[in-house]
Amino acid sequence: MVMQKVGQNILPTRENFLVARLRSSCMHCREVIVSGKRWFCTECEKF
């Protein structure tokens, strides 16, 4: 409920915000990698 209200408040100005990702994500499935190899997660079978 609170996040919905926050979302409604910033919706008109969303182009003024910048999103910074502080963790690496898997190049295959885009899941956030907390530890291990930087480019591929352990969940992807091919990698």
PDB file of N, CA and C in Angstrom:
ATOM      1  N   MET A   1       0.820  -1.193   0.000  1.00  0.00           N
ATOM      2  CA  MET A   1       0.000   0.000   0.000  1.00  0.00           C
ATOM      3  C   MET A   1       0.869   1.265   0.000  1.00  0.00           C
ATOM      4  N   VAL A   2       1.867   1.277   0.853  1.00  0.00           N
ATOM      5  CA  VAL A   2       2.741   2.444   0.926  1.00  0.00           C
ATOM      6  C   VAL A   2       3.512   2.606  -0.384  1.00  0.00           C
ATOM      7  N   MET A   3       4.038   1.500  -0.916  1.00  0.00           N
ATOM      8  CA  MET A   3       4.809   1.572  -2.157  1.00  0.00           C
ATOM      9  C   MET A   3       3.932   2.016  -3.327  1.00  0.00           C
ATOM     10  N   GLN A   4       2.656   1.662  -3.316  1.00  0.00           N
ATOM     11  CA  GLN A   4       1.743   2.105  -4.366  1.00  0.00           C
ATOM     12  C   GLN A   4       1.570   3.621  -4.310  1.00  0.00           C
ATOM     13  N   LYS A   5       1.439   4.163  -3.104  1.00  0.00           N
ATOM     14  CA  LYS A   5       1.309   5.617  -2.957  1.00  0.00           C
ATOM     15  C   LYS A   5       2.587   6.327  -3.396  1.00  0.00           C
ATOM     16  N   VAL A   6       3.729   5.765  -3.028  1.00  0.00           N
ATOM     17  CA  VAL A   6       5.003   6.349  -3.450  1.00  0.00           C
ATOM     18  C   VAL A   6       5.099   6.313  -4.970  1.00  0.00           C
ATOM     19  N   GLY A   7       4.720   5.183  -5.563  1.00  0.00           N
ATOM     20  CA  GLY A   7       4.741   5.055  -7.016  1.00  0.00           C
ATOM     21  C   GLY A   7       3.848   6.076  -7.700  1.00  0.00           C
ATOM     22  N   GLN A   8       2.677   6.318  -7.143  1.00  0.00           N
ATOM     23  CA  GLN A   8       1.761   7.301  -7.713  1.00  0.00           C
ATOM     24  C   GLN A   8       2.333   8.718  -7.600  1.00  0.00           C
ATOM     25  N   ASN A   9       3.056   8.971  -6.515  1.00  0.00           N
ATOM     26  CA  ASN A   9       3.634  10.306  -6.319  1.00  0.00           C
ATOM     27  C   ASN A   9       4.794  10.579  -7.267  1.00  0.00           C
ATOM     28  N   ILE A  10       5.605   9.569  -7.562  1.00  0.00           N
ATOM     29  CA  ILE A  10       6.757   9.807  -8.438  1.00  0.00           C
ATOM     30  C   ILE A  10       6.467   9.530  -9.902  1.00  0.00           C
ATOM     31  N   LEU A  11       5.318   8.980 -10.213  1.00  0.00           N
ATOM     32  CA  LEU A  11       4.987   8.670 -11.604  1.00  0.00           C
ATOM     33  C   LEU A  11       5.102   9.888 -12.526  1.00  0.00           C
ATOM     34  N   PRO A  12       4.593  11.054 -12.164  1.00  0.00           N
ATOM     35  CA  PRO A  12       4.702  12.212 -13.066  1.00  0.00           C
ATOM     36  C   PRO A  12       6.146  12.689 -13.290  1.00  0.00           C
ATOM     37  N   THR A  13       7.039  12.399 -12.357  1.00  0.00           N
ATOM     38  CA  THR A  13       8.419  12.880 -12.478  1.00  0.00           C
ATOM     39  C   THR A  13       9.413  11.743 -12.680  1.00  0.00           C
ATOM     40  N   ARG A  14       8.971  10.596 -13.143  1.00  0.00           N
ATOM     41  CA  ARG A  14       9.846   9.417 -13.239  1.00  0.00           C
ATOM     42  C   ARG A  14      11.025   9.620 -14.181  1.00  0.00           C
ATOM     43  N   GLU A  15      10.916  10.496 -15.154  1.00  0.00           N
ATOM     44  CA  GLU A  15      12.023  10.745 -16.078  1.00  0.00           C
ATOM     45  C   GLU A  15      13.169  11.491 -15.403  1.00  0.00           C
ATOM     46  N   ASN A  16      12.928  12.063 -14.247  1.00  0.00           N
ATOM     47  CA  ASN A  16      13.957  12.810 -13.530  1.00  0.00           C
ATOM     48  C   ASN A  16      14.803  11.926 -12.617  1.00  0.00           C
ATOM     49  N   PHE A  17      14.479  10.638 -12.526  1.00  0.00           N
ATOM     50  CA  PHE A  17      15.185   9.738 -11.626  1.00  0.00           C
ATOM     51  C   PHE A  17      16.166   8.864 -12.387  1.00  0.00           C
ATOM     52  N   LEU A  18      17.246   8.502 -11.729  1.00  0.00           N
ATOM     53  CA  LEU A  18      18.274   7.631 -12.283  1.00  0.00           C
ATOM     54  C   LEU A  18      18.346   6.378 -11.414  1.00  0.00           C
ATOM     55  N   VAL A  19      18.331   5.211 -12.031  1.00  0.00           N
ATOM     56  CA  VAL A  19      18.415   3.953 -11.295  1.00  0.00           C
ATOM     57  C   VAL A  19      19.840   3.433 -11.391  1.00  0.00           C
ATOM     58  N   ALA A  20      20.450   3.193 -10.251  1.00  0.00           N
ATOM     59  CA  ALA A  20      21.813   2.645 -10.214  1.00  0.00           C
ATOM     60  C   ALA A  20      21.749   1.227  -9.678  1.00  0.00           C
ATOM     61  N   ARG A  21      22.323   0.305 -10.409  1.00  0.00           N
ATOM     62  CA  ARG A  21      22.368  -1.091  -9.969  1.00  0.00           C
ATOM     63  C   ARG A  21      23.721  -1.324  -9.327  1.00  0.00           C
ATOM     64  N   LEU A  22      23.707  -1.717  -8.070  1.00  0.00           N
ATOM     65  CA  LEU A  22      24.941  -1.881  -7.322  1.00  0.00           C
ATOM     66  C   LEU A  22      25.482  -3.303  -7.369  1.00  0.00           C
ATOM     67  N   ARG A  23      24.696  -4.240  -7.851  1.00  0.00           N
ATOM     68  CA  ARG A  23      25.114  -5.640  -7.968  1.00  0.00           C
ATOM     69  C   ARG A  23      25.144  -6.035  -9.429  1.00  0.00           C
ATOM     70  N   SER A  24      26.009  -6.985  -9.762  1.00  0.00           N
ATOM     71  CA  SER A  24      26.063  -7.513 -11.129  1.00  0.00           C
ATOM     72  C   SER A  24      24.868  -8.421 -11.372  1.00  0.00           C
ATOM     73  N   SER A  25      24.476  -8.558 -12.638  1.00  0.00           N
ATOM     74  CA  SER A  25      23.389  -9.477 -12.967  1.00  0.00           C
ATOM     75  C   SER A  25      23.873 -10.460 -14.024  1.00  0.00           C
ATOM     76  N   CYS A  26      23.260 -11.634 -14.059  1.00  0.00           N
ATOM     77  CA  CYS A  26      23.618 -12.697 -14.993  1.00  0.00           C
ATOM     78  C   CYS A  26      23.328 -12.234 -16.421  1.00  0.00           C
ATOM     79  N   MET A  27      24.263 -12.486 -17.326  1.00  0.00           N
ATOM     80  CA  MET A  27      24.081 -12.089 -18.725  1.00  0.00           C
ATOM     81  C   MET A  27      23.010 -12.935 -19.409  1.00  0.00           C
ATOM     82  N   HIS A  28      22.708 -14.103 -18.859  1.00  0.00           N
ATOM     83  CA  HIS A  28      21.751 -15.014 -19.481  1.00  0.00           C
ATOM     84  C   HIS A  28      20.330 -14.801 -18.954  1.00  0.00           C
ATOM     85  N   CYS A  29      20.143 -14.849 -17.639  1.00  0.00           N
ATOM     86  CA  CYS A  29      18.786 -14.775 -17.071  1.00  0.00           C
ATOM     87  C   CYS A  29      18.484 -13.441 -16.384  1.00  0.00           C
ATOM     88  N   ARG A  30      19.468 -12.574 -16.260  1.00  0.00           N
ATOM     89  CA  ARG A  30      19.325 -11.242 -15.651  1.00  0.00           C
ATOM     90  C   ARG A  30      19.048 -11.264 -14.145  1.00  0.00           C
ATOM     91  N   GLU A  31      19.272 -12.411 -13.493  1.00  0.00           N
ATOM     92  CA  GLU A  31      19.129 -12.472 -12.038  1.00  0.00           C
ATOM     93  C   GLU A  31      20.331 -11.785 -11.396  1.00  0.00           C
ATOM     94  N   VAL A  32      20.117 -11.180 -10.241  1.00  0.00           N
ATOM     95  CA  VAL A  32      21.197 -10.502  -9.535  1.00  0.00           C
ATOM     96  C   VAL A  32      22.143 -11.549  -8.953  1.00  0.00           C
ATOM     97  N   ILE A  33      23.450 -11.329  -9.119  1.00  0.00           N
ATOM     98  CA  ILE A  33      24.464 -12.248  -8.608  1.00  0.00           C
ATOM     99  C   ILE A  33      25.010 -11.677  -7.306  1.00  0.00           C
ATOM    100  N   VAL A  34      24.832 -12.424  -6.228  1.00  0.00           N
ATOM    101  CA  VAL A  34      25.289 -11.967  -4.923  1.00  0.00           C
ATOM    102  C   VAL A  34      26.731 -12.412  -4.676  1.00  0.00           C
ATOM    103  N   SER A  35      27.067 -13.635  -5.121  1.00  0.00           N
ATOM    104  CA  SER A  35      28.435 -14.130  -4.964  1.00  0.00           C
ATOM    105  C   SER A  35      28.745 -15.093  -6.100  1.00  0.00           C
ATOM    106  N   GLY A  36      30.015 -15.422  -6.280  1.00  0.00           N
ATOM    107  CA  GLY A  36      30.411 -16.344  -7.336  1.00  0.00           C
ATOM    108  C   GLY A  36      30.905 -15.600  -8.559  1.00  0.00           C
ATOM    109  N   LYS A  37      30.777 -16.231  -9.725  1.00  0.00           N
ATOM    110  CA  LYS A  37      31.237 -15.617 -10.964  1.00  0.00           C
ATOM    111  C   LYS A  37      30.445 -14.348 -11.250  1.00  0.00           C
ATOM    112  N   ARG A  38      31.100 -13.398 -11.836  1.00  0.00           N
ATOM    113  CA  ARG A  38      30.472 -12.099 -12.042  1.00  0.00           C
ATOM    114  C   ARG A  38      29.420 -12.104 -13.144  1.00  0.00           C
ATOM    115  N   TRP A  39      29.640 -12.808 -14.239  1.00  0.00           N
ATOM    116  CA  TRP A  39      28.767 -12.663 -15.397  1.00  0.00           C
ATOM    117  C   TRP A  39      27.671 -13.707 -15.500  1.00  0.00           C
ATOM    118  N   PHE A  40      27.821 -14.847 -14.843  1.00  0.00           N
ATOM    119  CA  PHE A  40      26.828 -15.914 -14.952  1.00  0.00           C
ATOM    120  C   PHE A  40      26.493 -16.463 -13.578  1.00  0.00           C
ATOM    121  N   CYS A  41      25.220 -16.710 -13.332  1.00  0.00           N
ATOM    122  CA  CYS A  41      24.800 -17.237 -12.039  1.00  0.00           C
ATOM    123  C   CYS A  41      24.884 -18.761 -12.035  1.00  0.00           C
ATOM    124  N   THR A  42      24.722 -19.345 -10.867  1.00  0.00           N
ATOM    125  CA  THR A  42      24.786 -20.802 -10.744  1.00  0.00           C
ATOM    126  C   THR A  42      23.466 -21.456 -11.130  1.00  0.00           C
ATOM    127  N   GLU A  43      22.422 -20.693 -11.324  1.00  0.00           N
ATOM    128  CA  GLU A  43      21.113 -21.237 -11.683  1.00  0.00           C
ATOM    129  C   GLU A  43      21.005 -21.565 -13.168  1.00  0.00           C
ATOM    130  N   CYS A  44      21.780 -20.921 -14.013  1.00  0.00           N
ATOM    131  CA  CYS A  44      21.729 -21.167 -15.453  1.00  0.00           C
ATOM    132  C   CYS A  44      22.469 -22.466 -15.766  1.00  0.00           C
ATOM    133  N   GLU A  45      21.800 -23.409 -16.394  1.00  0.00           N
ATOM    134  CA  GLU A  45      22.394 -24.715 -16.660  1.00  0.00           C
ATOM    135  C   GLU A  45      23.503 -24.655 -17.701  1.00  0.00           C
ATOM    136  N   LYS A  46      23.394 -23.799 -18.684  1.00  0.00           N
ATOM    137  CA  LYS A  46      24.374 -23.741 -19.765  1.00  0.00           C
ATOM    138  C   LYS A  46      25.683 -23.103 -19.331  1.00  0.00           C
ATOM    139  N   PHE A  47      25.651 -22.340 -18.260  1.00  0.00           N
ATOM    140  CA  PHE A  47      26.839 -21.591 -17.885  1.00  0.00           C
ATOM    141  C   PHE A  47      27.344 -22.108 -16.596  1.00  0.00           C
TER     142      PHE A  47
END
